[in-house]
C-alpha atoms as a PDB file:
ATOM      1  CA  MET A   1     -27.440  -2.842 -49.403  1.00  0.00           C
ATOM      2  CA  GLN A   2     -25.814  -0.548 -46.866  1.00  0.00           C
ATOM      3  CA  THR A   3     -25.407  -1.851 -43.768  1.00  0.00           C
ATOM      4  CA  GLN A   4     -25.918   1.278 -40.628  1.00  0.00           C
ATOM      5  CA  VAL A   5     -23.354   2.041 -38.885  1.00  0.00           C
ATOM      6  CA  ILE A   6     -24.736   3.072 -35.126  1.00  0.00           C
ATOM      7  CA  ALA A   7     -22.423   5.616 -33.586  1.00  0.00           C
ATOM      8  CA  GLU A   8     -21.667   4.781 -30.167  1.00  0.00           C
ATOM      9  CA  SER A   9     -22.681   8.081 -28.759  1.00  0.00           C
ATOM     10  CA  ASP A  10     -26.137   6.329 -29.875  1.00  0.00           C
ATOM     11  CA  ARG A  11     -25.989   3.192 -28.772  1.00  0.00           C
ATOM     12  CA  TYR A  12     -29.195   2.419 -26.301  1.00  0.00           C
ATOM     13  CA  PRO A  13     -28.566   0.786 -23.715  1.00  0.00           C
ATOM     14  CA  PRO A  14     -24.856   2.368 -23.201  1.00  0.00           C
ATOM     15  CA  GLY A  15     -22.156  -0.480 -23.115  1.00  0.00           C
ATOM     16  CA  ASP A  16     -22.155  -4.047 -24.977  1.00  0.00           C
ATOM     17  CA  LEU A  17     -25.989  -5.428 -24.746  1.00  0.00           C
ATOM     18  CA  ALA A  18     -24.510  -8.926 -22.870  1.00  0.00           C
ATOM     19  CA  ILE A  19     -23.462  -6.930 -19.821  1.00  0.00           C
ATOM     20  CA  TRP A  20     -27.588  -5.617 -19.523  1.00  0.00           C
ATOM     21  CA  VAL A  21     -28.492  -9.714 -20.045  1.00  0.00           C
ATOM     22  CA  PHE A  22     -26.036 -10.203 -16.864  1.00  0.00           C
ATOM     23  CA  ILE A  23     -26.853  -7.078 -14.984  1.00  0.00           C
ATOM     24  CA  LEU A  24     -30.614  -7.901 -15.038  1.00  0.00           C
ATOM     25  CA  ALA A  25     -30.115 -11.117 -13.687  1.00  0.00           C
ATOM     26  CA  GLU A  26     -28.154 -10.129 -11.222  1.00  0.00           C
ATOM     27  CA  LEU A  27     -30.560  -7.630 -10.258  1.00  0.00           C
ATOM     28  CA  ALA A  28     -33.078 -10.446 -10.304  1.00  0.00           C
ATOM     29  CA  ALA A  29     -30.992 -12.251  -7.558  1.00  0.00           C
ATOM     30  CA  PHE A  30     -30.855  -9.501  -5.444  1.00  0.00           C
ATOM     31  CA  ALA A  31     -34.880  -8.903  -6.363  1.00  0.00           C
ATOM     32  CA  ALA A  32     -35.635 -12.341  -4.823  1.00  0.00           C
ATOM     33  CA  PHE A  33     -33.049 -11.670  -1.821  1.00  0.00           C
ATOM     34  CA  PHE A  34     -34.629  -8.556  -0.879  1.00  0.00           C
ATOM     35  CA  GLY A  35     -37.935 -10.051  -0.924  1.00  0.00           C
ATOM     36  CA  SER A  36     -37.319 -12.727   0.746  1.00  0.00           C
ATOM     37  CA  TYR A  37     -35.547 -10.847   3.848  1.00  0.00           C
ATOM     38  CA  ALA A  38     -38.432  -8.179   3.617  1.00  0.00           C
ATOM     39  CA  TYR A  39     -41.140 -11.546   4.094  1.00  0.00           C
ATOM     40  CA  THR A  40     -39.187 -12.719   6.812  1.00  0.00           C
ATOM     41  CA  ARG A  41     -38.790  -9.352   8.498  1.00  0.00           C
ATOM     42  CA  MET A  42     -42.518  -9.091   8.689  1.00  0.00           C
ATOM     43  CA  GLN A  43     -42.592 -13.019  10.356  1.00  0.00           C
ATOM     44  CA  HIS A  44     -40.005 -11.199  13.200  1.00  0.00           C
ATOM     45  CA  VAL A  45     -40.353  -7.235  13.525  1.00  0.00           C
ATOM     46  CA  ALA A  46     -38.901  -7.230  16.922  1.00  0.00           C
ATOM     47  CA  LEU A  47     -36.434  -9.344  16.006  1.00  0.00           C
ATOM     48  CA  PHE A  48     -35.257  -7.327  13.127  1.00  0.00           C
ATOM     49  CA  ASN A  49     -36.216  -4.049  14.943  1.00  0.00           C
ATOM     50  CA  HIS A  50     -33.504  -5.418  18.278  1.00  0.00           C
ATOM     51  CA  TYR A  51     -30.502  -6.496  16.102  1.00  0.00           C
ATOM     52  CA  GLN A  52     -30.972  -3.539  13.930  1.00  0.00           C
ATOM     53  CA  LEU A  53     -29.839  -1.593  16.091  1.00  0.00           C
ATOM     54  CA  THR A  54     -26.622  -3.381  16.616  1.00  0.00           C
ATOM     55  CA  LEU A  55     -25.263  -2.136  13.134  1.00  0.00           C
ATOM     56  CA  ASP A  56     -22.448   0.691  12.502  1.00  0.00           C
ATOM     57  CA  LYS A  57     -25.092   3.563  10.827  1.00  0.00           C
ATOM     58  CA  THR A  58     -21.639   5.517  10.792  1.00  0.00           C
ATOM     59  CA  ALA A  59     -19.964   2.899   8.928  1.00  0.00           C
ATOM     60  CA  ALA A  60     -23.022   2.223   6.305  1.00  0.00           C
ATOM     61  CA  LEU A  61     -22.831   6.202   5.238  1.00  0.00           C
ATOM     62  CA  ILE A  62     -19.549   5.964   4.914  1.00  0.00           C
ATOM     63  CA  ASN A  63     -19.616   3.226   2.586  1.00  0.00           C
ATOM     64  CA  THR A  64     -23.074   4.952   0.958  1.00  0.00           C
ATOM     65  CA  PHE A  65     -20.743   8.010   0.078  1.00  0.00           C
ATOM     66  CA  ALA A  66     -17.967   6.105  -0.791  1.00  0.00           C
ATOM     67  CA  LEU A  67     -20.286   4.443  -3.572  1.00  0.00           C
ATOM     68  CA  ILE A  68     -21.950   7.242  -4.699  1.00  0.00           C
ATOM     69  CA  THR A  69     -18.558   9.088  -5.079  1.00  0.00           C
ATOM     70  CA  SER A  70     -17.352   6.340  -7.161  1.00  0.00           C
ATOM     71  CA  SER A  71     -20.438   6.516  -9.242  1.00  0.00           C
ATOM     72  CA  TYR A  72     -19.741   9.747  -9.772  1.00  0.00           C
ATOM     73  CA  PHE A  73     -15.946   9.409 -10.417  1.00  0.00           C
ATOM     74  CA  VAL A  74     -17.022   6.034 -13.451  1.00  0.00           C
ATOM     75  CA  VAL A  75     -19.438   8.828 -14.849  1.00  0.00           C
ATOM     76  CA  ARG A  76     -16.225  11.050 -15.440  1.00  0.00           C
ATOM     77  CA  GLY A  77     -14.198   8.070 -16.631  1.00  0.00           C
ATOM     78  CA  VAL A  78     -16.696   8.148 -19.530  1.00  0.00           C
ATOM     79  CA  ALA A  79     -16.928  11.231 -20.297  1.00  0.00           C
ATOM     80  CA  ALA A  80     -13.577  11.898 -20.708  1.00  0.00           C
ATOM     81  CA  ILE A  81     -13.080   8.891 -23.083  1.00  0.00           C
ATOM     82  CA  ARG A  82     -16.034  10.527 -24.786  1.00  0.00           C
ATOM     83  CA  GLU A  83     -13.607  13.235 -25.330  1.00  0.00           C
ATOM     84  CA  ASN A  84     -10.506  11.412 -26.452  1.00  0.00           C
ATOM     85  CA  ASP A  85      -9.020  12.035 -23.047  1.00  0.00           C
ATOM     86  CA  SER A  86      -7.712   8.609 -22.566  1.00  0.00           C
ATOM     87  CA  GLN A  87      -5.437   9.625 -19.405  1.00  0.00           C
ATOM     88  CA  GLY A  88      -8.235  11.823 -18.181  1.00  0.00           C
ATOM     89  CA  CYS A  89     -10.008   8.570 -18.156  1.00  0.00           C
ATOM     90  CA  VAL A  90      -7.581   6.299 -16.149  1.00  0.00           C
ATOM     91  CA  ARG A  91      -7.882   9.028 -13.739  1.00  0.00           C
ATOM     92  CA  TRP A  92     -10.900   9.287 -13.113  1.00  0.00           C
ATOM     93  CA  LEU A  93     -11.622   5.091 -12.594  1.00  0.00           C
ATOM     94  CA  MET A  94      -8.604   5.080 -10.532  1.00  0.00           C
ATOM     95  CA  ALA A  95     -10.302   7.236  -7.954  1.00  0.00           C
ATOM     96  CA  ALA A  96     -13.213   5.725  -8.534  1.00  0.00           C
ATOM     97  CA  LEU A  97     -10.930   2.256  -7.540  1.00  0.00           C
ATOM     98  CA  VAL A  98      -9.671   3.740  -4.539  1.00  0.00           C
ATOM     99  CA  MET A  99     -13.574   4.689  -3.943  1.00  0.00           C
ATOM    100  CA  GLY A 100     -14.493   1.131  -3.721  1.00  0.00           C
ATOM    101  CA  GLY A 101     -11.565  -0.141  -1.785  1.00  0.00           C
ATOM    102  CA  LEU A 102     -12.747   2.406   1.019  1.00  0.00           C
ATOM    103  CA  PHE A 103     -15.949   0.454   0.898  1.00  0.00           C
ATOM    104  CA  LEU A 104     -14.160  -3.195   1.612  1.00  0.00           C
ATOM    105  CA  ILE A 105     -11.778  -1.535   3.903  1.00  0.00           C
ATOM    106  CA  VAL A 106     -15.312   0.001   6.304  1.00  0.00           C
ATOM    107  CA  LYS A 107     -17.143  -3.221   5.370  1.00  0.00           C
ATOM    108  CA  SER A 108     -14.447  -5.867   6.708  1.00  0.00           C
ATOM    109  CA  GLN A 109     -13.896  -3.396   9.379  1.00  0.00           C
ATOM    110  CA  GLU A 110     -17.363  -4.205  10.477  1.00  0.00           C
ATOM    111  CA  TYR A 111     -17.098  -7.844   9.653  1.00  0.00           C
ATOM    112  CA  ALA A 112     -14.536  -7.849  12.041  1.00  0.00           C
ATOM    113  CA  HIS A 113     -16.507  -6.128  14.799  1.00  0.00           C
ATOM    114  CA  HIS A 114     -19.206  -8.815  14.320  1.00  0.00           C
ATOM    115  CA  ILE A 115     -17.030 -11.838  14.170  1.00  0.00           C
ATOM    116  CA  ASP A 116     -15.172 -10.516  17.571  1.00  0.00           C
ATOM    117  CA  GLU A 117     -18.471 -10.607  19.084  1.00  0.00           C
ATOM    118  CA  GLY A 118     -19.181 -14.300  17.720  1.00  0.00           C
ATOM    119  CA  ILE A 119     -21.743 -13.104  15.173  1.00  0.00           C
ATOM    120  CA  THR A 120     -22.091 -15.889  12.183  1.00  0.00           C
ATOM    121  CA  LEU A 121     -25.094 -16.335   9.811  1.00  0.00           C
ATOM    122  CA  SER A 122     -26.692 -18.981  12.424  1.00  0.00           C
ATOM    123  CA  THR A 123     -26.557 -16.265  15.374  1.00  0.00           C
ATOM    124  CA  ASN A 124     -30.388 -15.586  13.928  1.00  0.00           C
ATOM    125  CA  LYS A 125     -32.240 -14.524  11.349  1.00  0.00           C
ATOM    126  CA  PHE A 126     -31.350 -11.061  11.157  1.00  0.00           C
ATOM    127  CA  TYR A 127     -28.030 -11.590  11.211  1.00  0.00           C
ATOM    128  CA  MET A 128     -28.282 -14.142   8.699  1.00  0.00           C
ATOM    129  CA  PHE A 129     -29.970 -11.892   5.936  1.00  0.00           C
ATOM    130  CA  TYR A 130     -27.252  -9.237   6.842  1.00  0.00           C
ATOM    131  CA  LEU A 131     -24.307 -11.317   6.939  1.00  0.00           C
ATOM    132  CA  SER A 132     -25.308 -12.894   3.410  1.00  0.00           C
ATOM    133  CA  LEU A 133     -27.351  -9.962   1.894  1.00  0.00           C
ATOM    134  CA  THR A 134     -23.952  -7.622   2.456  1.00  0.00           C
ATOM    135  CA  PHE A 135     -21.093  -9.953   1.798  1.00  0.00           C
ATOM    136  CA  PHE A 136     -23.204 -11.153  -1.919  1.00  0.00           C
ATOM    137  CA  HIS A 137     -23.548  -7.276  -2.347  1.00  0.00           C
ATOM    138  CA  PHE A 138     -19.293  -6.609  -1.312  1.00  0.00           C
ATOM    139  CA  MET A 139     -18.434  -9.649  -3.854  1.00  0.00           C
ATOM    140  CA  HIS A 140     -20.527  -7.658  -6.681  1.00  0.00           C
ATOM    141  CA  VAL A 141     -17.999  -4.559  -5.228  1.00  0.00           C
ATOM    142  CA  ILE A 142     -14.502  -6.707  -5.893  1.00  0.00           C
ATOM    143  CA  MET A 143     -16.405  -7.964  -9.199  1.00  0.00           C
ATOM    144  CA  GLY A 144     -17.184  -4.492 -10.193  1.00  0.00           C
ATOM    145  CA  MET A 145     -13.431  -3.576  -9.075  1.00  0.00           C
ATOM    146  CA  VAL A 146     -11.592  -6.228 -11.301  1.00  0.00           C
ATOM    147  CA  ILE A 147     -13.624  -5.047 -13.983  1.00  0.00           C
ATOM    148  CA  LEU A 148     -13.251  -1.205 -13.551  1.00  0.00           C
ATOM    149  CA  ALA A 149      -9.348  -2.275 -13.256  1.00  0.00           C
ATOM    150  CA  ALA A 150      -9.027  -4.450 -16.629  1.00  0.00           C
ATOM    151  CA  VAL A 151     -10.754  -1.168 -18.237  1.00  0.00           C
ATOM    152  CA  ALA A 152      -8.309   1.049 -16.582  1.00  0.00           C
ATOM    153  CA  VAL A 153      -5.227  -0.861 -18.026  1.00  0.00           C
ATOM    154  CA  LYS A 154      -6.738  -0.703 -21.367  1.00  0.00           C
ATOM    155  CA  ALA A 155      -7.480   2.700 -21.600  1.00  0.00           C
ATOM    156  CA  ARG A 156      -3.919   2.917 -20.401  1.00  0.00           C
ATOM    157  CA  ARG A 157      -2.635   1.273 -23.383  1.00  0.00           C
ATOM    158  CA  GLY A 158      -4.835   3.547 -25.891  1.00  0.00           C
ATOM    159  CA  ARG A 159      -7.494   0.583 -26.460  1.00  0.00           C
ATOM    160  CA  TYR A 160     -10.208   3.379 -26.064  1.00  0.00           C
ATOM    161  CA  SER A 161     -10.787   6.747 -27.807  1.00  0.00           C
ATOM    162  CA  ALA A 162     -13.557   8.718 -28.174  1.00  0.00           C
ATOM    163  CA  GLU A 163     -15.027   6.505 -31.666  1.00  0.00           C
ATOM    164  CA  GLN A 164     -14.665   3.279 -29.616  1.00  0.00           C
ATOM    165  CA  TYR A 165     -15.326   3.417 -25.848  1.00  0.00           C
ATOM    166  CA  VAL A 166     -17.815   0.651 -25.377  1.00  0.00           C
ATOM    167  CA  GLY A 167     -15.864  -1.124 -22.928  1.00  0.00           C
ATOM    168  CA  VAL A 168     -15.717   1.570 -20.840  1.00  0.00           C
ATOM    169  CA  GLU A 169     -19.601   2.017 -20.685  1.00  0.00           C
ATOM    170  CA  THR A 170     -19.586  -1.618 -20.223  1.00  0.00           C
ATOM    171  CA  GLY A 171     -17.728  -1.465 -17.153  1.00  0.00           C
ATOM    172  CA  ALA A 172     -19.575   1.722 -16.288  1.00  0.00           C
ATOM    173  CA  SER A 173     -22.839   0.034 -16.425  1.00  0.00           C
ATOM    174  CA  TYR A 174     -21.727  -2.316 -13.994  1.00  0.00           C
ATOM    175  CA  TRP A 175     -20.249  -0.501 -11.293  1.00  0.00           C
ATOM    176  CA  HIS A 176     -23.617   1.505 -11.661  1.00  0.00           C
ATOM    177  CA  MET A 177     -25.314  -1.771 -10.791  1.00  0.00           C
ATOM    178  CA  VAL A 178     -23.249  -2.346  -7.298  1.00  0.00           C
ATOM    179  CA  ASP A 179     -23.841   1.250  -6.279  1.00  0.00           C
ATOM    180  CA  LEU A 180     -27.809   0.977  -7.310  1.00  0.00           C
ATOM    181  CA  VAL A 181     -27.764  -2.437  -4.747  1.00  0.00           C
ATOM    182  CA  TRP A 182     -26.254  -0.592  -2.044  1.00  0.00           C
ATOM    183  CA  LEU A 183     -28.926   2.034  -2.246  1.00  0.00           C
ATOM    184  CA  ILE A 184     -31.615  -0.190  -2.005  1.00  0.00           C
ATOM    185  CA  LEU A 185     -29.471  -2.115   0.325  1.00  0.00           C
ATOM    186  CA  PHE A 186     -28.367   0.654   3.101  1.00  0.00           C
ATOM    187  CA  PRO A 187     -32.396   1.708   3.750  1.00  0.00           C
ATOM    188  CA  LEU A 188     -33.757  -1.885   3.907  1.00  0.00           C
ATOM    189  CA  VAL A 189     -31.146  -3.085   6.228  1.00  0.00           C
ATOM    190  CA  TYR A 190     -29.719  -0.321   8.184  1.00  0.00           C
ATOM    191  CA  VAL A 191     -32.640   2.071   8.570  1.00  0.00           C
ATOM    192  CA  MET A 192     -36.125   0.940   8.194  1.00  0.00           C
ATOM    193  CA  ARG A 193     -38.098   0.006  10.919  1.00  0.00           C
END
């Protein structure tokens, strides 16, 4: 009896199946958080609208640009390894890490401003959700950067090739989840009124 080998380019979803279980669990946690935010916002529309105006939308737009750009760089990294260009993969992943670092710097400056203003989780319901949601996401960005850095190190050591790149796709899948969550979080918290 012959076993059929599935080429990595034919795998769906891309990457390791375990990461998809993890991603779905993470998305479920964020969905519950977003649902709680939306429900509480409906109960306190004036409060949420007022304090939403205190947020730095320019910083949020810079962060949106940073994450979208980083996701593009990750896509380029996956394309590079599929073409057996491990050094190109490393360069694209490093560029993605730079954009992730930009996100962390800008978000940290936002947090520092809020701390200077005396804002904490207990200031009001809006800030409780804003700080909790964005910090939860912030920690996911850090985790995603650790994953991408580990993938870049393995790629630099020649551990991936055009024939074996599931690890690159696994890291990319997680990073795209982080980006997707921000693309929901940004309009929900910063824009929608």
